[in-house]
Amino acid sequence: MAEKKVRLPVRMSENIPSYYAHGLWGGIGPTGEVIAYLLQDSPGIPESFSLRVDEETGLVQGIDAEMAPGMDRSVLAKIVIPAPLARSFADWFSMRARDSEQAQGRPPAGS
C-alpha cells in the first residue's frame, strides 16, 4: 500500500489549561476507547479556621486552621482516546519519558 503524507496545520487555542498531574487512572470504555483521568494530590483544605484579632486595634494576629488529616486527590481532566490511536499515544509518551530521563542525565528505564 502506498503511503501519502498529509500536512495538518496546528493552531494553538487561547487559554489552554495546563495541569501538573501526580497520577493517571482509567480503563477501557464501552466501545473500546481508552479513558484516562489526570489526578493531582494536594494537602487537605481546612475544615474551618479562626482569626486571632487584637481587640484594641482590630488587626489580625494569626490564623488557626483545623485541617482534615491526609491528602486530597482531585480529578483534573478526563481524556478519551479512540482505540485505534491508543498505541500511538503510548509510543509517544514512552519516547517523551525516555527523552526526559536522558535530559536529566538518568539512564532510560529498563536499560
PDB file of N, CA and C in Angstrom:
ATOM      1  N   MET A   1       0.846  -1.166   0.000  1.00  0.00           N
ATOM      2  CA  MET A   1       0.000   0.000   0.000  1.00  0.00           C
ATOM      3  C   MET A   1       0.899   1.239   0.000  1.00  0.00           C
ATOM      4  N   ALA A   2       0.588   2.165  -0.858  1.00  0.00           N
ATOM      5  CA  ALA A   2       1.358   3.406  -0.950  1.00  0.00           C
ATOM      6  C   ALA A   2       0.952   4.341   0.178  1.00  0.00           C
ATOM      7  N   GLU A   3       1.956   5.019   0.734  1.00  0.00           N
ATOM      8  CA  GLU A   3       1.694   5.993   1.789  1.00  0.00           C
ATOM      9  C   GLU A   3       1.661   7.383   1.204  1.00  0.00           C
ATOM     10  N   LYS A   4       0.855   8.206   1.809  1.00  0.00           N
ATOM     11  CA  LYS A   4       0.774   9.593   1.402  1.00  0.00           C
ATOM     12  C   LYS A   4       0.893  10.444   2.655  1.00  0.00           C
ATOM     13  N   LYS A   5       1.734  11.465   2.620  1.00  0.00           N
ATOM     14  CA  LYS A   5       1.839  12.373   3.754  1.00  0.00           C
ATOM     15  C   LYS A   5       0.749  13.423   3.652  1.00  0.00           C
ATOM     16  N   VAL A   6       0.087  13.651   4.764  1.00  0.00           N
ATOM     17  CA  VAL A   6      -0.949  14.669   4.835  1.00  0.00           C
ATOM     18  C   VAL A   6      -0.476  15.717   5.830  1.00  0.00           C
ATOM     19  N   ARG A   7      -0.411  16.951   5.400  1.00  0.00           N
ATOM     20  CA  ARG A   7       0.040  18.039   6.264  1.00  0.00           C
ATOM     21  C   ARG A   7      -1.158  18.641   6.991  1.00  0.00           C
ATOM     22  N   LEU A   8      -1.049  18.705   8.313  1.00  0.00           N
ATOM     23  CA  LEU A   8      -2.115  19.265   9.131  1.00  0.00           C
ATOM     24  C   LEU A   8      -1.581  20.500   9.845  1.00  0.00           C
ATOM     25  N   PRO A   9      -2.110  21.671   9.544  1.00  0.00           N
ATOM     26  CA  PRO A   9      -1.670  22.861  10.269  1.00  0.00           C
ATOM     27  C   PRO A   9      -2.133  22.775  11.720  1.00  0.00           C
ATOM     28  N   VAL A  10      -1.299  23.263  12.625  1.00  0.00           N
ATOM     29  CA  VAL A  10      -1.617  23.246  14.054  1.00  0.00           C
ATOM     30  C   VAL A  10      -1.896  24.669  14.502  1.00  0.00           C
ATOM     31  N   ARG A  11      -3.017  24.846  15.171  1.00  0.00           N
ATOM     32  CA  ARG A  11      -3.390  26.162  15.691  1.00  0.00           C
ATOM     33  C   ARG A  11      -3.567  26.019  17.195  1.00  0.00           C
ATOM     34  N   MET A  12      -2.853  26.833  17.952  1.00  0.00           N
ATOM     35  CA  MET A  12      -2.967  26.805  19.407  1.00  0.00           C
ATOM     36  C   MET A  12      -4.200  27.606  19.818  1.00  0.00           C
ATOM     37  N   SER A  13      -5.077  26.972  20.553  1.00  0.00           N
ATOM     38  CA  SER A  13      -6.250  27.661  21.075  1.00  0.00           C
ATOM     39  C   SER A  13      -5.827  28.600  22.192  1.00  0.00           C
ATOM     40  N   GLU A  14      -6.623  29.616  22.426  1.00  0.00           N
ATOM     41  CA  GLU A  14      -6.356  30.521  23.536  1.00  0.00           C
ATOM     42  C   GLU A  14      -6.775  29.866  24.851  1.00  0.00           C
ATOM     43  N   ASN A  15      -6.103  30.255  25.917  1.00  0.00           N
ATOM     44  CA  ASN A  15      -6.452  29.816  27.276  1.00  0.00           C
ATOM     45  C   ASN A  15      -6.425  28.300  27.443  1.00  0.00           C
ATOM     46  N   ILE A  16      -5.386  27.663  26.921  1.00  0.00           N
ATOM     47  CA  ILE A  16      -5.249  26.220  27.102  1.00  0.00           C
ATOM     48  C   ILE A  16      -4.908  25.956  28.562  1.00  0.00           C
ATOM     49  N   PRO A  17      -5.683  25.123  29.253  1.00  0.00           N
ATOM     50  CA  PRO A  17      -5.337  24.843  30.646  1.00  0.00           C
ATOM     51  C   PRO A  17      -4.074  23.986  30.715  1.00  0.00           C
ATOM     52  N   SER A  18      -3.285  24.216  31.739  1.00  0.00           N
ATOM     53  CA  SER A  18      -2.075  23.443  31.975  1.00  0.00           C
ATOM     54  C   SER A  18      -2.223  22.787  33.339  1.00  0.00           C
ATOM     55  N   TYR A  19      -1.982  21.482  33.421  1.00  0.00           N
ATOM     56  CA  TYR A  19      -2.164  20.747  34.665  1.00  0.00           C
ATOM     57  C   TYR A  19      -0.857  20.076  35.064  1.00  0.00           C
ATOM     58  N   TYR A  20      -0.571  20.068  36.350  1.00  0.00           N
ATOM     59  CA  TYR A  20       0.546  19.311  36.898  1.00  0.00           C
ATOM     60  C   TYR A  20      -0.065  18.055  37.499  1.00  0.00           C
ATOM     61  N   ALA A  21       0.121  16.934  36.850  1.00  0.00           N
ATOM     62  CA  ALA A  21      -0.528  15.696  37.258  1.00  0.00           C
ATOM     63  C   ALA A  21       0.414  14.838  38.097  1.00  0.00           C
ATOM     64  N   HIS A  22      -0.123  14.280  39.187  1.00  0.00           N
ATOM     65  CA  HIS A  22       0.625  13.361  40.032  1.00  0.00           C
ATOM     66  C   HIS A  22       0.264  11.912  39.727  1.00  0.00           C
ATOM     67  N   GLY A  23      -0.799  11.711  38.995  1.00  0.00           N
ATOM     68  CA  GLY A  23      -1.235  10.350  38.729  1.00  0.00           C
ATOM     69  C   GLY A  23      -2.153  10.281  37.530  1.00  0.00           C
ATOM     70  N   LEU A  24      -2.426   9.050  37.140  1.00  0.00           N
ATOM     71  CA  LEU A  24      -3.279   8.765  35.989  1.00  0.00           C
ATOM     72  C   LEU A  24      -4.060   7.510  36.327  1.00  0.00           C
ATOM     73  N   TRP A  25      -5.345   7.520  36.054  1.00  0.00           N
ATOM     74  CA  TRP A  25      -6.189   6.365  36.344  1.00  0.00           C
ATOM     75  C   TRP A  25      -7.231   6.259  35.254  1.00  0.00           C
ATOM     76  N   GLY A  26      -7.653   5.062  34.962  1.00  0.00           N
ATOM     77  CA  GLY A  26      -8.681   4.908  33.958  1.00  0.00           C
ATOM     78  C   GLY A  26      -8.867   3.471  33.542  1.00  0.00           C
ATOM     79  N   GLY A  27      -9.339   3.301  32.321  1.00  0.00           N
ATOM     80  CA  GLY A  27      -9.609   1.962  31.818  1.00  0.00           C
ATOM     81  C   GLY A  27     -10.159   2.025  30.407  1.00  0.00           C
ATOM     82  N   ILE A  28     -10.840   0.972  30.040  1.00  0.00           N
ATOM     83  CA  ILE A  28     -11.396   0.844  28.693  1.00  0.00           C
ATOM     84  C   ILE A  28     -12.887   1.158  28.745  1.00  0.00           C
ATOM     85  N   GLY A  29     -13.350   2.050  27.859  1.00  0.00           N
ATOM     86  CA  GLY A  29     -14.752   2.430  27.790  1.00  0.00           C
ATOM     87  C   GLY A  29     -15.588   1.375  27.091  1.00  0.00           C
ATOM     88  N   PRO A  30     -16.898   1.560  27.042  1.00  0.00           N
ATOM     89  CA  PRO A  30     -17.814   0.562  26.485  1.00  0.00           C
ATOM     90  C   PRO A  30     -17.606   0.270  25.001  1.00  0.00           C
ATOM     91  N   THR A  31     -17.018   1.211  24.260  1.00  0.00           N
ATOM     92  CA  THR A  31     -16.785   0.955  22.828  1.00  0.00           C
ATOM     93  C   THR A  31     -15.304   0.777  22.519  1.00  0.00           C
ATOM     94  N   GLY A  32     -14.484   0.482  23.562  1.00  0.00           N
ATOM     95  CA  GLY A  32     -13.073   0.166  23.354  1.00  0.00           C
ATOM     96  C   GLY A  32     -12.126   1.344  23.473  1.00  0.00           C
ATOM     97  N   GLU A  33     -12.636   2.552  23.668  1.00  0.00           N
ATOM     98  CA  GLU A  33     -11.762   3.714  23.802  1.00  0.00           C
ATOM     99  C   GLU A  33     -11.037   3.653  25.147  1.00  0.00           C
ATOM    100  N   VAL A  34      -9.867   4.285  25.216  1.00  0.00           N
ATOM    101  CA  VAL A  34      -9.121   4.372  26.467  1.00  0.00           C
ATOM    102  C   VAL A  34      -9.567   5.648  27.180  1.00  0.00           C
ATOM    103  N   ILE A  35      -9.952   5.502  28.436  1.00  0.00           N
ATOM    104  CA  ILE A  35     -10.365   6.645  29.244  1.00  0.00           C
ATOM    105  C   ILE A  35      -9.321   6.834  30.329  1.00  0.00           C
ATOM    106  N   ALA A  36      -8.776   8.039  30.426  1.00  0.00           N
ATOM    107  CA  ALA A  36      -7.754   8.344  31.424  1.00  0.00           C
ATOM    108  C   ALA A  36      -8.151   9.592  32.191  1.00  0.00           C
ATOM    109  N   TYR A  37      -8.003   9.534  33.491  1.00  0.00           N
ATOM    110  CA  TYR A  37      -8.257  10.687  34.359  1.00  0.00           C
ATOM    111  C   TYR A  37      -6.919  11.187  34.884  1.00  0.00           C
ATOM    112  N   LEU A  38      -6.621  12.473  34.693  1.00  0.00           N
ATOM    113  CA  LEU A  38      -5.421  13.084  35.251  1.00  0.00           C
ATOM    114  C   LEU A  38      -5.715  13.444  36.696  1.00  0.00           C
ATOM    115  N   LEU A  39      -4.820  13.050  37.602  1.00  0.00           N
ATOM    116  CA  LEU A  39      -5.036  13.241  39.030  1.00  0.00           C
ATOM    117  C   LEU A  39      -3.985  14.161  39.623  1.00  0.00           C
ATOM    118  N   GLN A  40      -4.380  14.917  40.639  1.00  0.00           N
ATOM    119  CA  GLN A  40      -3.447  15.792  41.340  1.00  0.00           C
ATOM    120  C   GLN A  40      -3.669  15.644  42.842  1.00  0.00           C
ATOM    121  N   ASP A  41      -2.555  15.506  43.584  1.00  0.00           N
ATOM    122  CA  ASP A  41      -2.608  15.380  45.030  1.00  0.00           C
ATOM    123  C   ASP A  41      -2.278  16.719  45.666  1.00  0.00           C
ATOM    124  N   SER A  42      -2.946  17.022  46.779  1.00  0.00           N
ATOM    125  CA  SER A  42      -2.669  18.267  47.492  1.00  0.00           C
ATOM    126  C   SER A  42      -3.035  18.082  48.959  1.00  0.00           C
ATOM    127  N   PRO A  43      -2.436  18.908  49.831  1.00  0.00           N
ATOM    128  CA  PRO A  43      -2.830  18.846  51.239  1.00  0.00           C
ATOM    129  C   PRO A  43      -4.312  19.177  51.356  1.00  0.00           C
ATOM    130  N   GLY A  44      -4.942  18.630  52.374  1.00  0.00           N
ATOM    131  CA  GLY A  44      -6.361  18.885  52.572  1.00  0.00           C
ATOM    132  C   GLY A  44      -6.660  20.355  52.793  1.00  0.00           C
ATOM    133  N   ILE A  45      -7.858  20.742  52.462  1.00  0.00           N
ATOM    134  CA  ILE A  45      -8.333  22.110  52.680  1.00  0.00           C
ATOM    135  C   ILE A  45      -8.860  22.188  54.113  1.00  0.00           C
ATOM    136  N   PRO A  46      -8.624  23.298  54.817  1.00  0.00           N
ATOM    137  CA  PRO A  46      -9.101  23.387  56.203  1.00  0.00           C
ATOM    138  C   PRO A  46     -10.612  23.168  56.304  1.00  0.00           C
ATOM    139  N   GLU A  47     -11.007  22.411  57.332  1.00  0.00           N
ATOM    140  CA  GLU A  47     -12.433  22.236  57.588  1.00  0.00           C
ATOM    141  C   GLU A  47     -13.024  23.526  58.132  1.00  0.00           C
ATOM    142  N   SER A  48     -12.201  24.257  58.884  1.00  0.00           N
ATOM    143  CA  SER A  48     -12.598  25.572  59.377  1.00  0.00           C
ATOM    144  C   SER A  48     -11.339  26.306  59.813  1.00  0.00           C
ATOM    145  N   PHE A  49     -11.462  27.597  60.015  1.00  0.00           N
ATOM    146  CA  PHE A  49     -10.337  28.366  60.548  1.00  0.00           C
ATOM    147  C   PHE A  49     -10.860  29.527  61.382  1.00  0.00           C
ATOM    148  N   SER A  50     -10.001  29.974  62.279  1.00  0.00           N
ATOM    149  CA  SER A  50     -10.352  31.087  63.159  1.00  0.00           C
ATOM    150  C   SER A  50      -9.284  32.157  63.041  1.00  0.00           C
ATOM    151  N   LEU A  51      -9.717  33.388  63.095  1.00  0.00           N
ATOM    152  CA  LEU A  51      -8.783  34.516  63.080  1.00  0.00           C
ATOM    153  C   LEU A  51      -8.562  34.983  64.515  1.00  0.00           C
ATOM    154  N   ARG A  52      -7.300  35.182  64.889  1.00  0.00           N
ATOM    155  CA  ARG A  52      -6.985  35.794  66.176  1.00  0.00           C
ATOM    156  C   ARG A  52      -6.845  37.291  65.932  1.00  0.00           C
ATOM    157  N   VAL A  53      -7.739  38.078  66.541  1.00  0.00           N
ATOM    158  CA  VAL A  53      -7.805  39.518  66.290  1.00  0.00           C
ATOM    159  C   VAL A  53      -7.472  40.287  67.576  1.00  0.00           C
ATOM    160  N   ASP A  54      -6.607  41.263  67.425  1.00  0.00           N
ATOM    161  CA  ASP A  54      -6.303  42.164  68.540  1.00  0.00           C
ATOM    162  C   ASP A  54      -7.547  43.011  68.799  1.00  0.00           C
ATOM    163  N   GLU A  55      -8.089  42.920  70.022  1.00  0.00           N
ATOM    164  CA  GLU A  55      -9.341  43.621  70.343  1.00  0.00           C
ATOM    165  C   GLU A  55      -9.193  45.133  70.298  1.00  0.00           C
ATOM    166  N   GLU A  56      -7.996  45.629  70.590  1.00  0.00           N
ATOM    167  CA  GLU A  56      -7.800  47.079  70.595  1.00  0.00           C
ATOM    168  C   GLU A  56      -7.645  47.645  69.189  1.00  0.00           C
ATOM    169  N   THR A  57      -6.832  46.966  68.365  1.00  0.00           N
ATOM    170  CA  THR A  57      -6.535  47.513  67.034  1.00  0.00           C
ATOM    171  C   THR A  57      -7.414  46.933  65.938  1.00  0.00           C
ATOM    172  N   GLY A  58      -7.985  45.761  66.199  1.00  0.00           N
ATOM    173  CA  GLY A  58      -8.771  45.097  65.158  1.00  0.00           C
ATOM    174  C   GLY A  58      -7.921  44.386  64.112  1.00  0.00           C
ATOM    175  N   LEU A  59      -6.584  44.365  64.324  1.00  0.00           N
ATOM    176  CA  LEU A  59      -5.689  43.723  63.361  1.00  0.00           C
ATOM    177  C   LEU A  59      -5.630  42.216  63.594  1.00  0.00           C
ATOM    178  N   VAL A  60      -5.561  41.484  62.509  1.00  0.00           N
ATOM    179  CA  VAL A  60      -5.441  40.034  62.597  1.00  0.00           C
ATOM    180  C   VAL A  60      -4.031  39.693  63.073  1.00  0.00           C
ATOM    181  N   GLN A  61      -3.963  38.899  64.143  1.00  0.00           N
ATOM    182  CA  GLN A  61      -2.677  38.497  64.725  1.00  0.00           C
ATOM    183  C   GLN A  61      -2.254  37.101  64.267  1.00  0.00           C
ATOM    184  N   GLY A  62      -3.183  36.331  63.756  1.00  0.00           N
ATOM    185  CA  GLY A  62      -2.855  34.978  63.303  1.00  0.00           C
ATOM    186  C   GLY A  62      -4.094  34.235  62.861  1.00  0.00           C
ATOM    187  N   ILE A  63      -3.853  33.075  62.309  1.00  0.00           N
ATOM    188  CA  ILE A  63      -4.933  32.212  61.819  1.00  0.00           C
ATOM    189  C   ILE A  63      -4.719  30.821  62.391  1.00  0.00           C
ATOM    190  N   ASP A  64      -5.770  30.227  62.930  1.00  0.00           N
ATOM    191  CA  ASP A  64      -5.732  28.845  63.402  1.00  0.00           C
ATOM    192  C   ASP A  64      -6.623  28.019  62.476  1.00  0.00           C
ATOM    193  N   ALA A  65      -6.012  27.057  61.785  1.00  0.00           N
ATOM    194  CA  ALA A  65      -6.772  26.230  60.844  1.00  0.00           C
ATOM    195  C   ALA A  65      -6.943  24.829  61.401  1.00  0.00           C
ATOM    196  N   GLU A  66      -8.144  24.296  61.259  1.00  0.00           N
ATOM    197  CA  GLU A  66      -8.416  22.907  61.623  1.00  0.00           C
ATOM    198  C   GLU A  66      -8.387  22.096  60.338  1.00  0.00           C
ATOM    199  N   MET A  67      -7.248  21.403  60.151  1.00  0.00           N
ATOM    200  CA  MET A  67      -7.031  20.681  58.902  1.00  0.00           C
ATOM    201  C   MET A  67      -7.595  19.265  58.975  1.00  0.00           C
ATOM    202  N   ALA A  68      -8.160  18.831  57.882  1.00  0.00           N
ATOM    203  CA  ALA A  68      -8.554  17.440  57.749  1.00  0.00           C
ATOM    204  C   ALA A  68      -7.270  16.628  57.583  1.00  0.00           C
ATOM    205  N   PRO A  69      -7.209  15.433  58.164  1.00  0.00           N
ATOM    206  CA  PRO A  69      -5.979  14.641  58.029  1.00  0.00           C
ATOM    207  C   PRO A  69      -5.777  14.154  56.596  1.00  0.00           C
ATOM    208  N   GLY A  70      -4.501  13.971  56.230  1.00  0.00           N
ATOM    209  CA  GLY A  70      -4.178  13.360  54.945  1.00  0.00           C
ATOM    210  C   GLY A  70      -4.146  14.317  53.775  1.00  0.00           C
ATOM    211  N   MET A  71      -4.193  13.730  52.605  1.00  0.00           N
ATOM    212  CA  MET A  71      -4.105  14.448  51.339  1.00  0.00           C
ATOM    213  C   MET A  71      -5.419  14.294  50.586  1.00  0.00           C
ATOM    214  N   ASP A  72      -5.657  15.228  49.673  1.00  0.00           N
ATOM    215  CA  ASP A  72      -6.799  15.139  48.768  1.00  0.00           C
ATOM    216  C   ASP A  72      -6.289  14.761  47.392  1.00  0.00           C
ATOM    217  N   ARG A  73      -7.028  13.944  46.681  1.00  0.00           N
ATOM    218  CA  ARG A  73      -6.715  13.612  45.294  1.00  0.00           C
ATOM    219  C   ARG A  73      -7.876  14.095  44.447  1.00  0.00           C
ATOM    220  N   SER A  74      -7.570  14.969  43.491  1.00  0.00           N
ATOM    221  CA  SER A  74      -8.592  15.563  42.634  1.00  0.00           C
ATOM    222  C   SER A  74      -8.425  15.093  41.201  1.00  0.00           C
ATOM    223  N   VAL A  75      -9.547  14.914  40.512  1.00  0.00           N
ATOM    224  CA  VAL A  75      -9.516  14.626  39.078  1.00  0.00           C
ATOM    225  C   VAL A  75      -9.467  15.972  38.363  1.00  0.00           C
ATOM    226  N   LEU A  76      -8.413  16.180  37.573  1.00  0.00           N
ATOM    227  CA  LEU A  76      -8.230  17.442  36.856  1.00  0.00           C
ATOM    228  C   LEU A  76      -8.900  17.436  35.495  1.00  0.00           C
ATOM    229  N   ALA A  77      -8.825  16.299  34.825  1.00  0.00           N
ATOM    230  CA  ALA A  77      -9.354  16.223  33.464  1.00  0.00           C
ATOM    231  C   ALA A  77      -9.600  14.766  33.092  1.00  0.00           C
ATOM    232  N   LYS A  78     -10.511  14.583  32.174  1.00  0.00           N
ATOM    233  CA  LYS A  78     -10.798  13.266  31.603  1.00  0.00           C
ATOM    234  C   LYS A  78     -10.362  13.306  30.150  1.00  0.00           C
ATOM    235  N   ILE A  79      -9.585  12.303  29.754  1.00  0.00           N
ATOM    236  CA  ILE A  79      -9.112  12.212  28.373  1.00  0.00           C
ATOM    237  C   ILE A  79      -9.679  10.930  27.780  1.00  0.00           C
ATOM    238  N   VAL A  80     -10.290  11.032  26.618  1.00  0.00           N
ATOM    239  CA  VAL A  80     -10.829   9.861  25.929  1.00  0.00           C
ATOM    240  C   VAL A  80     -10.046   9.695  24.630  1.00  0.00           C
ATOM    241  N   ILE A  81      -9.397   8.538  24.477  1.00  0.00           N
ATOM    242  CA  ILE A  81      -8.544   8.267  23.313  1.00  0.00           C
ATOM    243  C   ILE A  81      -9.183   7.147  22.496  1.00  0.00           C
ATOM    244  N   PRO A  82      -9.504   7.396  21.219  1.00  0.00           N
ATOM    245  CA  PRO A  82     -10.078   6.341  20.384  1.00  0.00           C
ATOM    246  C   PRO A  82      -9.152   5.118  20.331  1.00  0.00           C
ATOM    247  N   ALA A  83      -9.739   3.925  20.373  1.00  0.00           N
ATOM    248  CA  ALA A  83      -8.967   2.688  20.409  1.00  0.00           C
ATOM    249  C   ALA A  83      -7.868   2.613  19.336  1.00  0.00           C
ATOM    250  N   PRO A  84      -8.119   2.988  18.073  1.00  0.00           N
ATOM    251  CA  PRO A  84      -7.072   2.860  17.061  1.00  0.00           C
ATOM    252  C   PRO A  84      -5.856   3.760  17.320  1.00  0.00           C
ATOM    253  N   LEU A  85      -6.013   4.801  18.150  1.00  0.00           N
ATOM    254  CA  LEU A  85      -4.904   5.727  18.413  1.00  0.00           C
ATOM    255  C   LEU A  85      -4.182   5.435  19.723  1.00  0.00           C
ATOM    256  N   ALA A  86      -4.712   4.554  20.548  1.00  0.00           N
ATOM    257  CA  ALA A  86      -4.147   4.320  21.876  1.00  0.00           C
ATOM    258  C   ALA A  86      -2.680   3.898  21.808  1.00  0.00           C
ATOM    259  N   ARG A  87      -2.315   2.999  20.910  1.00  0.00           N
ATOM    260  CA  ARG A  87      -0.929   2.537  20.814  1.00  0.00           C
ATOM    261  C   ARG A  87      -0.001   3.675  20.404  1.00  0.00           C
ATOM    262  N   SER A  88      -0.412   4.536  19.468  1.00  0.00           N
ATOM    263  CA  SER A  88       0.461   5.638  19.061  1.00  0.00           C
ATOM    264  C   SER A  88       0.632   6.643  20.203  1.00  0.00           C
ATOM    265  N   PHE A  89      -0.417   6.853  21.024  1.00  0.00           N
ATOM    266  CA  PHE A  89      -0.287   7.714  22.205  1.00  0.00           C
ATOM    267  C   PHE A  89       0.720   7.110  23.180  1.00  0.00           C
ATOM    268  N   ALA A  90       0.617   5.804  23.416  1.00  0.00           N
ATOM    269  CA  ALA A  90       1.539   5.126  24.340  1.00  0.00           C
ATOM    270  C   ALA A  90       2.977   5.234  23.842  1.00  0.00           C
ATOM    271  N   ASP A  91       3.187   5.037  22.557  1.00  0.00           N
ATOM    272  CA  ASP A  91       4.533   5.148  21.983  1.00  0.00           C
ATOM    273  C   ASP A  91       5.068   6.568  22.142  1.00  0.00           C
ATOM    274  N   TRP A  92       4.214   7.568  21.899  1.00  0.00           N
ATOM    275  CA  TRP A  92       4.637   8.964  22.025  1.00  0.00           C
ATOM    276  C   TRP A  92       5.042   9.269  23.466  1.00  0.00           C
ATOM    277  N   PHE A  93       4.211   8.840  24.443  1.00  0.00           N
ATOM    278  CA  PHE A  93       4.538   9.065  25.851  1.00  0.00           C
ATOM    279  C   PHE A  93       5.837   8.358  26.233  1.00  0.00           C
ATOM    280  N   SER A  94       6.017   7.153  25.740  1.00  0.00           N
ATOM    281  CA  SER A  94       7.232   6.391  26.039  1.00  0.00           C
ATOM    282  C   SER A  94       8.478   7.119  25.519  1.00  0.00           C
ATOM    283  N   MET A  95       8.397   7.645  24.315  1.00  0.00           N
ATOM    284  CA  MET A  95       9.536   8.391  23.751  1.00  0.00           C
ATOM    285  C   MET A  95       9.807   9.658  24.561  1.00  0.00           C
ATOM    286  N   ARG A  96       8.747  10.381  24.941  1.00  0.00           N
ATOM    287  CA  ARG A  96       8.942  11.605  25.733  1.00  0.00           C
ATOM    288  C   ARG A  96       9.535  11.287  27.105  1.00  0.00           C
ATOM    289  N   ALA A  97       9.116  10.186  27.728  1.00  0.00           N
ATOM    290  CA  ALA A  97       9.675   9.786  29.024  1.00  0.00           C
ATOM    291  C   ALA A  97      11.165   9.467  28.876  1.00  0.00           C
ATOM    292  N   ARG A  98      11.530   8.751  27.821  1.00  0.00           N
ATOM    293  CA  ARG A  98      12.946   8.440  27.578  1.00  0.00           C
ATOM    294  C   ARG A  98      13.742   9.725  27.354  1.00  0.00           C
ATOM    295  N   ASP A  99      13.217  10.649  26.554  1.00  0.00           N
ATOM    296  CA  ASP A  99      13.903  11.924  26.307  1.00  0.00           C
ATOM    297  C   ASP A  99      14.075  12.711  27.605  1.00  0.00           C
ATOM    298  N   SER A 100      13.065  12.714  28.463  1.00  0.00           N
ATOM    299  CA  SER A 100      13.127  13.437  29.736  1.00  0.00           C
ATOM    300  C   SER A 100      14.196  12.831  30.644  1.00  0.00           C
ATOM    301  N   GLU A 101      14.236  11.501  30.705  1.00  0.00           N
ATOM    302  CA  GLU A 101      15.253  10.825  31.523  1.00  0.00           C
ATOM    303  C   GLU A 101      16.654  11.166  31.031  1.00  0.00           C
ATOM    304  N   GLN A 102      16.859  11.145  29.730  1.00  0.00           N
ATOM    305  CA  GLN A 102      18.171  11.462  29.172  1.00  0.00           C
ATOM    306  C   GLN A 102      18.544  12.914  29.443  1.00  0.00           C
ATOM    307  N   ALA A 103      17.572  13.829  29.342  1.00  0.00           N
ATOM    308  CA  ALA A 103      17.845  15.246  29.599  1.00  0.00           C
ATOM    309  C   ALA A 103      18.247  15.482  31.052  1.00  0.00           C
ATOM    310  N   GLN A 104      17.758  14.619  31.954  1.00  0.00           N
ATOM    311  CA  GLN A 104      18.090  14.746  33.367  1.00  0.00           C
ATOM    312  C   GLN A 104      19.335  13.943  33.736  1.00  0.00           C
ATOM    313  N   GLY A 105      19.952  13.312  32.742  1.00  0.00           N
ATOM    314  CA  GLY A 105      21.165  12.543  32.990  1.00  0.00           C
ATOM    315  C   GLY A 105      20.933  11.189  33.620  1.00  0.00           C
ATOM    316  N   ARG A 106      19.701  10.701  33.576  1.00  0.00           N
ATOM    317  CA  ARG A 106      19.384   9.392  34.127  1.00  0.00           C
ATOM    318  C   ARG A 106      19.322   8.371  32.997  1.00  0.00           C
ATOM    319  N   PRO A 107      19.744   7.155  33.254  1.00  0.00           N
ATOM    320  CA  PRO A 107      19.601   6.129  32.209  1.00  0.00           C
ATOM    321  C   PRO A 107      18.130   5.821  31.991  1.00  0.00           C
ATOM    322  N   PRO A 108      17.710   5.577  30.754  1.00  0.00           N
ATOM    323  CA  PRO A 108      16.309   5.246  30.491  1.00  0.00           C
ATOM    324  C   PRO A 108      15.890   4.007  31.257  1.00  0.00           C
ATOM    325  N   ALA A 109      14.639   3.960  31.667  1.00  0.00           N
ATOM    326  CA  ALA A 109      14.107   2.803  32.377  1.00  0.00           C
ATOM    327  C   ALA A 109      14.297   1.540  31.553  1.00  0.00           C
ATOM    328  N   GLY A 110      14.666   0.458  32.228  1.00  0.00           N
ATOM    329  CA  GLY A 110      14.828  -0.820  31.538  1.00  0.00           C
ATOM    330  C   GLY A 110      16.194  -1.007  30.920  1.00  0.00           C
ATOM    331  N   SER A 111      17.111  -0.032  31.094  1.00  0.00           N
ATOM    332  CA  SER A 111      18.446  -0.216  30.496  1.00  0.00           C
ATOM    333  C   SER A 111      19.456  -0.618  31.542  1.00  0.00           C
TER     334      SER A 111
END
